[in-house]
Amino acid sequence: MKYLVMIQGTQADYEGMRGKASPDAPAWSEQELRAMYEHMGAINNDLSESGEMLDGNGLAEPAQTRLVTLGPDGEAVITDGPYGETKEVLAGYWLLECESLERVTEIAARVAQCPGPEGLKNYPVVIRPILDGAGDV
């Protein structure tokens, strides 16, 4: 079964990782960033070795994104980010092929244990089964 495992973040979180604290996110030290990258790298290595990882990436900060919607006339309306109405966004993902929901839940729990600075918001790790070609999970 294939699953999409997603982590969330905000523009303030990305800025905190660059050392800029705000009321919404603490500043990260070099040591904290290194620990986070080591933790995520170990997960990626383990998933690659087990053959469960099909793809995975961190995503650029919301300030580098673009939103495309349709206006009342049916024409595309394009807006550059970040978006005031959007707080949390997809910050990274793994596309996994696992034997069971229990196994992917174990992986998500490991992702959730990622180290970070004091005061870092604890976002849920979201697991979404991917529908097969027939529309069934």
N, C-alpha and C. Protein backbone atom coordinates (compact mmCIF):
# COMPACT_ATOMS: atom_id res chain seq x y z
N MET A 1 0.85 -1.18 0.00
CA MET A 1 0.00 0.00 0.00
C MET A 1 0.88 1.23 0.00
N LYS A 2 0.49 2.23 -0.76
CA LYS A 2 1.23 3.49 -0.80
C LYS A 2 0.58 4.51 0.12
N TYR A 3 1.45 5.32 0.73
CA TYR A 3 1.01 6.36 1.66
C TYR A 3 1.79 7.64 1.41
N LEU A 4 1.12 8.77 1.61
CA LEU A 4 1.77 10.06 1.62
C LEU A 4 1.85 10.49 3.08
N VAL A 5 3.07 10.72 3.56
CA VAL A 5 3.31 11.18 4.92
C VAL A 5 3.75 12.63 4.82
N MET A 6 3.02 13.52 5.51
CA MET A 6 3.25 14.96 5.34
C MET A 6 3.57 15.64 6.66
N ILE A 7 4.48 16.62 6.59
CA ILE A 7 4.77 17.47 7.74
C ILE A 7 4.40 18.90 7.37
N GLN A 8 4.05 19.68 8.38
CA GLN A 8 3.58 21.04 8.16
C GLN A 8 4.53 22.06 8.75
N GLY A 9 4.37 23.30 8.34
CA GLY A 9 5.13 24.40 8.88
C GLY A 9 4.50 25.71 8.45
N THR A 10 5.10 26.81 8.91
CA THR A 10 4.63 28.15 8.54
C THR A 10 5.81 28.97 8.05
N GLN A 11 5.52 30.11 7.49
CA GLN A 11 6.59 31.02 7.07
C GLN A 11 7.48 31.37 8.27
N ALA A 12 6.86 31.57 9.42
CA ALA A 12 7.63 31.89 10.63
C ALA A 12 8.59 30.76 11.00
N ASP A 13 8.18 29.51 10.78
CA ASP A 13 9.06 28.37 11.05
C ASP A 13 10.29 28.40 10.15
N TYR A 14 10.08 28.69 8.88
CA TYR A 14 11.21 28.78 7.94
C TYR A 14 12.15 29.90 8.35
N GLU A 15 11.59 31.04 8.76
CA GLU A 15 12.43 32.16 9.20
C GLU A 15 13.18 31.80 10.48
N GLY A 16 12.52 31.07 11.39
CA GLY A 16 13.18 30.62 12.60
C GLY A 16 14.36 29.72 12.30
N MET A 17 14.24 28.90 11.26
CA MET A 17 15.35 28.03 10.87
C MET A 17 16.52 28.84 10.32
N ARG A 18 16.24 30.06 9.89
CA ARG A 18 17.32 30.96 9.45
C ARG A 18 17.83 31.81 10.61
N GLY A 19 17.34 31.55 11.83
CA GLY A 19 17.82 32.27 13.01
C GLY A 19 17.01 33.47 13.41
N LYS A 20 15.88 33.72 12.74
CA LYS A 20 15.04 34.88 13.03
C LYS A 20 13.83 34.46 13.86
N ALA A 21 13.88 34.73 15.15
CA ALA A 21 12.76 34.38 16.04
C ALA A 21 11.59 35.33 15.83
N SER A 22 10.40 34.86 16.16
CA SER A 22 9.19 35.68 16.11
C SER A 22 8.27 35.18 17.21
N PRO A 23 7.17 35.89 17.46
CA PRO A 23 6.21 35.39 18.45
C PRO A 23 5.63 34.02 18.08
N ASP A 24 5.69 33.67 16.78
CA ASP A 24 5.11 32.42 16.31
C ASP A 24 6.10 31.27 16.18
N ALA A 25 7.42 31.57 16.26
CA ALA A 25 8.42 30.51 16.07
C ALA A 25 9.75 30.93 16.69
N PRO A 26 10.42 29.98 17.36
CA PRO A 26 11.74 30.29 17.93
C PRO A 26 12.83 30.27 16.86
N ALA A 27 13.95 30.90 17.17
CA ALA A 27 15.13 30.84 16.30
C ALA A 27 15.84 29.50 16.53
N TRP A 28 16.34 28.93 15.48
CA TRP A 28 17.10 27.68 15.56
C TRP A 28 18.59 28.01 15.62
N SER A 29 19.32 27.28 16.44
CA SER A 29 20.79 27.40 16.45
C SER A 29 21.35 26.46 15.38
N GLU A 30 22.62 26.64 15.04
CA GLU A 30 23.28 25.74 14.08
C GLU A 30 23.22 24.30 14.58
N GLN A 31 23.44 24.11 15.88
CA GLN A 31 23.43 22.78 16.47
C GLN A 31 22.04 22.14 16.35
N GLU A 32 20.99 22.93 16.59
CA GLU A 32 19.61 22.42 16.48
C GLU A 32 19.28 22.05 15.03
N LEU A 33 19.71 22.89 14.09
CA LEU A 33 19.49 22.58 12.68
C LEU A 33 20.21 21.29 12.29
N ARG A 34 21.45 21.16 12.73
CA ARG A 34 22.23 19.97 12.42
C ARG A 34 21.54 18.72 12.98
N ALA A 35 21.03 18.80 14.21
CA ALA A 35 20.33 17.66 14.83
C ALA A 35 19.08 17.30 14.04
N MET A 36 18.35 18.31 13.56
CA MET A 36 17.14 18.06 12.78
C MET A 36 17.51 17.37 11.46
N TYR A 37 18.52 17.88 10.77
CA TYR A 37 18.93 17.27 9.50
C TYR A 37 19.46 15.86 9.70
N GLU A 38 20.18 15.61 10.77
CA GLU A 38 20.67 14.26 11.06
C GLU A 38 19.51 13.31 11.33
N HIS A 39 18.52 13.78 12.10
CA HIS A 39 17.34 12.95 12.41
C HIS A 39 16.59 12.58 11.13
N MET A 40 16.29 13.58 10.31
CA MET A 40 15.55 13.33 9.07
C MET A 40 16.39 12.51 8.09
N GLY A 41 17.69 12.78 8.03
CA GLY A 41 18.57 12.01 7.15
C GLY A 41 18.60 10.54 7.53
N ALA A 42 18.63 10.25 8.84
CA ALA A 42 18.62 8.86 9.30
C ALA A 42 17.32 8.16 8.90
N ILE A 43 16.20 8.86 9.03
CA ILE A 43 14.91 8.30 8.60
C ILE A 43 14.95 8.00 7.11
N ASN A 44 15.40 8.97 6.32
CA ASN A 44 15.47 8.78 4.86
C ASN A 44 16.36 7.60 4.50
N ASN A 45 17.52 7.49 5.15
CA ASN A 45 18.43 6.38 4.87
C ASN A 45 17.79 5.05 5.20
N ASP A 46 17.14 4.96 6.36
CA ASP A 46 16.49 3.71 6.76
C ASP A 46 15.37 3.33 5.80
N LEU A 47 14.58 4.31 5.38
CA LEU A 47 13.48 4.03 4.45
C LEU A 47 13.99 3.64 3.07
N SER A 48 15.09 4.22 2.64
CA SER A 48 15.71 3.85 1.36
C SER A 48 16.24 2.42 1.43
N GLU A 49 16.92 2.10 2.52
CA GLU A 49 17.48 0.75 2.69
C GLU A 49 16.39 -0.31 2.77
N SER A 50 15.25 0.00 3.40
CA SER A 50 14.17 -0.97 3.52
C SER A 50 13.36 -1.09 2.22
N GLY A 51 13.56 -0.17 1.29
CA GLY A 51 12.81 -0.17 0.04
C GLY A 51 11.44 0.46 0.15
N GLU A 52 11.13 1.06 1.30
CA GLU A 52 9.80 1.64 1.50
C GLU A 52 9.68 3.05 0.92
N MET A 53 10.81 3.76 0.75
CA MET A 53 10.76 5.14 0.29
C MET A 53 10.73 5.20 -1.24
N LEU A 54 9.67 5.78 -1.77
CA LEU A 54 9.54 5.98 -3.20
C LEU A 54 10.00 7.38 -3.58
N ASP A 55 9.75 8.36 -2.69
CA ASP A 55 10.13 9.75 -2.93
C ASP A 55 9.98 10.50 -1.62
N GLY A 56 10.62 11.62 -1.50
CA GLY A 56 10.47 12.47 -0.33
C GLY A 56 11.30 13.73 -0.51
N ASN A 57 10.77 14.83 -0.04
CA ASN A 57 11.46 16.12 -0.15
C ASN A 57 10.92 17.11 0.86
N GLY A 58 11.79 18.05 1.23
CA GLY A 58 11.34 19.24 1.92
C GLY A 58 10.90 20.24 0.86
N LEU A 59 10.00 21.12 1.21
CA LEU A 59 9.48 22.09 0.25
C LEU A 59 9.94 23.49 0.61
N ALA A 60 10.01 24.35 -0.40
CA ALA A 60 10.43 25.75 -0.21
C ALA A 60 9.41 26.47 0.68
N GLU A 61 9.87 27.52 1.30
CA GLU A 61 9.04 28.31 2.20
C GLU A 61 7.83 28.92 1.48
N PRO A 62 6.76 29.21 2.22
CA PRO A 62 5.55 29.78 1.61
C PRO A 62 5.81 31.06 0.82
N ALA A 63 6.80 31.85 1.21
CA ALA A 63 7.08 33.10 0.49
C ALA A 63 7.51 32.84 -0.95
N GLN A 64 7.90 31.61 -1.27
CA GLN A 64 8.35 31.28 -2.62
C GLN A 64 7.28 30.52 -3.42
N THR A 65 6.06 30.55 -2.94
CA THR A 65 5.00 29.79 -3.59
C THR A 65 4.09 30.68 -4.42
N ARG A 66 3.22 30.04 -5.17
CA ARG A 66 2.27 30.75 -6.03
C ARG A 66 0.93 30.03 -5.94
N LEU A 67 -0.13 30.79 -5.86
CA LEU A 67 -1.49 30.27 -5.78
C LEU A 67 -2.21 30.60 -7.08
N VAL A 68 -2.84 29.60 -7.70
CA VAL A 68 -3.58 29.80 -8.94
C VAL A 68 -5.03 29.38 -8.68
N THR A 69 -5.94 30.32 -8.88
CA THR A 69 -7.37 30.06 -8.73
C THR A 69 -8.09 30.58 -9.97
N LEU A 70 -9.37 30.32 -10.03
CA LEU A 70 -10.17 30.86 -11.13
C LEU A 70 -10.97 32.05 -10.62
N GLY A 71 -10.96 33.11 -11.39
CA GLY A 71 -11.77 34.28 -11.06
C GLY A 71 -13.20 34.07 -11.51
N PRO A 72 -14.08 35.04 -11.21
CA PRO A 72 -15.50 34.92 -11.58
C PRO A 72 -15.72 34.75 -13.09
N ASP A 73 -14.74 35.25 -13.88
CA ASP A 73 -14.86 35.14 -15.33
C ASP A 73 -14.28 33.83 -15.87
N GLY A 74 -13.80 32.95 -14.98
CA GLY A 74 -13.22 31.67 -15.39
C GLY A 74 -11.77 31.75 -15.78
N GLU A 75 -11.18 32.94 -15.72
CA GLU A 75 -9.76 33.11 -16.05
C GLU A 75 -8.91 32.87 -14.81
N ALA A 76 -7.68 32.42 -15.03
CA ALA A 76 -6.76 32.16 -13.93
C ALA A 76 -6.36 33.45 -13.23
N VAL A 77 -6.38 33.41 -11.90
CA VAL A 77 -5.90 34.52 -11.07
C VAL A 77 -4.68 33.98 -10.32
N ILE A 78 -3.54 34.63 -10.50
CA ILE A 78 -2.28 34.15 -9.95
C ILE A 78 -1.82 35.10 -8.86
N THR A 79 -1.52 34.53 -7.67
CA THR A 79 -1.08 35.31 -6.52
C THR A 79 0.22 34.72 -6.00
N ASP A 80 1.21 35.56 -5.75
CA ASP A 80 2.45 35.11 -5.12
C ASP A 80 2.25 35.03 -3.62
N GLY A 81 2.95 34.08 -2.95
CA GLY A 81 2.83 33.89 -1.50
C GLY A 81 3.69 34.86 -0.74
N PRO A 82 3.65 34.86 0.59
CA PRO A 82 2.78 34.00 1.41
C PRO A 82 1.36 34.54 1.46
N TYR A 83 0.48 33.74 1.99
CA TYR A 83 -0.93 34.08 1.99
C TYR A 83 -1.39 34.30 3.42
N GLY A 84 -1.96 35.45 3.71
CA GLY A 84 -2.41 35.77 5.05
C GLY A 84 -3.44 34.80 5.59
N GLU A 85 -4.29 34.27 4.71
CA GLU A 85 -5.34 33.37 5.17
C GLU A 85 -4.83 31.95 5.41
N THR A 86 -3.59 31.65 4.99
CA THR A 86 -3.02 30.33 5.17
C THR A 86 -1.96 30.38 6.26
N LYS A 87 -2.14 29.58 7.30
CA LYS A 87 -1.14 29.54 8.37
C LYS A 87 -0.18 28.39 8.12
N GLU A 88 -0.63 27.17 8.34
CA GLU A 88 0.23 26.02 8.13
C GLU A 88 0.15 25.57 6.68
N VAL A 89 1.30 25.19 6.15
CA VAL A 89 1.38 24.69 4.79
C VAL A 89 2.18 23.39 4.80
N LEU A 90 2.11 22.67 3.72
CA LEU A 90 2.91 21.47 3.56
C LEU A 90 4.38 21.88 3.50
N ALA A 91 5.19 21.36 4.44
CA ALA A 91 6.61 21.71 4.50
C ALA A 91 7.49 20.60 3.94
N GLY A 92 6.99 19.38 3.92
CA GLY A 92 7.76 18.27 3.39
C GLY A 92 6.90 17.02 3.35
N TYR A 93 7.38 16.02 2.60
CA TYR A 93 6.59 14.81 2.44
C TYR A 93 7.49 13.61 2.16
N TRP A 94 6.93 12.44 2.40
CA TRP A 94 7.50 11.17 1.97
C TRP A 94 6.40 10.41 1.24
N LEU A 95 6.72 9.83 0.12
CA LEU A 95 5.85 8.90 -0.57
C LEU A 95 6.42 7.52 -0.25
N LEU A 96 5.65 6.72 0.50
CA LEU A 96 6.13 5.44 1.00
C LEU A 96 5.27 4.29 0.51
N GLU A 97 5.90 3.15 0.40
CA GLU A 97 5.15 1.92 0.15
C GLU A 97 5.43 1.01 1.34
N CYS A 98 4.40 0.81 2.16
CA CYS A 98 4.54 0.06 3.40
C CYS A 98 3.55 -1.08 3.43
N GLU A 99 3.87 -2.09 4.23
CA GLU A 99 3.02 -3.27 4.32
C GLU A 99 1.70 -3.01 5.03
N SER A 100 1.65 -1.96 5.88
CA SER A 100 0.42 -1.75 6.65
C SER A 100 0.35 -0.32 7.18
N LEU A 101 -0.85 0.05 7.59
CA LEU A 101 -1.06 1.34 8.24
C LEU A 101 -0.27 1.41 9.55
N GLU A 102 -0.16 0.28 10.24
CA GLU A 102 0.62 0.25 11.49
C GLU A 102 2.08 0.59 11.22
N ARG A 103 2.65 0.05 10.14
CA ARG A 103 4.06 0.34 9.82
C ARG A 103 4.25 1.81 9.49
N VAL A 104 3.40 2.39 8.66
CA VAL A 104 3.57 3.80 8.29
C VAL A 104 3.33 4.69 9.51
N THR A 105 2.49 4.24 10.42
CA THR A 105 2.27 5.00 11.66
C THR A 105 3.53 4.99 12.53
N GLU A 106 4.24 3.87 12.56
CA GLU A 106 5.53 3.81 13.28
C GLU A 106 6.52 4.83 12.69
N ILE A 107 6.55 4.92 11.38
CA ILE A 107 7.44 5.86 10.70
C ILE A 107 7.05 7.29 11.05
N ALA A 108 5.74 7.59 10.99
CA ALA A 108 5.26 8.94 11.32
C ALA A 108 5.60 9.31 12.75
N ALA A 109 5.51 8.35 13.67
CA ALA A 109 5.86 8.62 15.06
C ALA A 109 7.34 8.99 15.18
N ARG A 110 8.18 8.32 14.41
CA ARG A 110 9.61 8.65 14.41
C ARG A 110 9.85 10.05 13.85
N VAL A 111 9.14 10.40 12.78
CA VAL A 111 9.24 11.76 12.21
C VAL A 111 8.83 12.79 13.26
N ALA A 112 7.75 12.51 13.99
CA ALA A 112 7.24 13.46 14.99
C ALA A 112 8.24 13.70 16.12
N GLN A 113 9.17 12.79 16.32
CA GLN A 113 10.17 12.94 17.39
C GLN A 113 11.38 13.77 16.96
N CYS A 114 11.27 14.46 15.85
CA CYS A 114 12.38 15.28 15.35
C CYS A 114 12.75 16.34 16.39
N PRO A 115 14.04 16.50 16.68
CA PRO A 115 14.45 17.52 17.64
C PRO A 115 14.30 18.92 17.07
N GLY A 116 14.16 19.89 17.97
CA GLY A 116 14.05 21.29 17.58
C GLY A 116 14.25 22.17 18.79
N PRO A 117 14.23 23.48 18.59
CA PRO A 117 14.45 24.39 19.71
C PRO A 117 13.26 24.43 20.68
N GLU A 118 13.54 24.87 21.88
CA GLU A 118 12.49 25.08 22.89
C GLU A 118 11.45 26.04 22.33
N GLY A 119 10.16 25.69 22.49
CA GLY A 119 9.08 26.55 22.03
C GLY A 119 8.62 26.28 20.62
N LEU A 120 9.23 25.29 19.95
CA LEU A 120 8.82 24.95 18.59
C LEU A 120 7.43 24.33 18.62
N LYS A 121 6.55 24.78 17.72
CA LYS A 121 5.20 24.25 17.66
C LYS A 121 5.25 22.79 17.22
N ASN A 122 4.43 21.98 17.83
CA ASN A 122 4.35 20.55 17.53
C ASN A 122 3.22 20.32 16.53
N TYR A 123 3.55 20.20 15.25
CA TYR A 123 2.54 19.95 14.21
C TYR A 123 2.30 18.45 14.09
N PRO A 124 1.09 18.06 13.72
CA PRO A 124 0.85 16.63 13.49
C PRO A 124 1.56 16.17 12.23
N VAL A 125 1.94 14.91 12.21
CA VAL A 125 2.42 14.27 10.99
C VAL A 125 1.20 13.59 10.38
N VAL A 126 0.88 13.93 9.16
CA VAL A 126 -0.35 13.47 8.52
C VAL A 126 -0.04 12.30 7.59
N ILE A 127 -0.82 11.23 7.73
CA ILE A 127 -0.70 10.04 6.88
C ILE A 127 -1.94 9.96 6.01
N ARG A 128 -1.74 9.89 4.70
CA ARG A 128 -2.88 9.73 3.77
C ARG A 128 -2.63 8.53 2.87
N PRO A 129 -3.47 7.51 2.94
CA PRO A 129 -3.37 6.40 2.00
C PRO A 129 -3.60 6.92 0.58
N ILE A 130 -2.92 6.35 -0.37
CA ILE A 130 -3.06 6.74 -1.77
C ILE A 130 -3.97 5.74 -2.46
N LEU A 131 -4.99 6.25 -3.13
CA LEU A 131 -5.94 5.38 -3.83
C LEU A 131 -5.25 4.67 -4.99
N ASP A 132 -5.63 3.41 -5.20
CA ASP A 132 -5.08 2.70 -6.34
C ASP A 132 -5.86 3.11 -7.60
N GLY A 133 -5.50 2.58 -8.72
CA GLY A 133 -6.13 2.95 -9.99
C GLY A 133 -7.63 2.73 -10.04
N ALA A 134 -8.15 1.82 -9.21
CA ALA A 134 -9.58 1.53 -9.22
C ALA A 134 -10.36 2.42 -8.27
N GLY A 135 -9.64 3.34 -7.57
CA GLY A 135 -10.31 4.22 -6.63
C GLY A 135 -10.45 3.64 -5.25
N ASP A 136 -9.94 2.44 -5.05
CA ASP A 136 -9.99 1.80 -3.73
C ASP A 136 -8.69 2.03 -2.99
N VAL A 137 -8.76 2.02 -1.66
CA VAL A 137 -7.55 2.08 -0.84
C VAL A 137 -7.09 0.69 -0.50
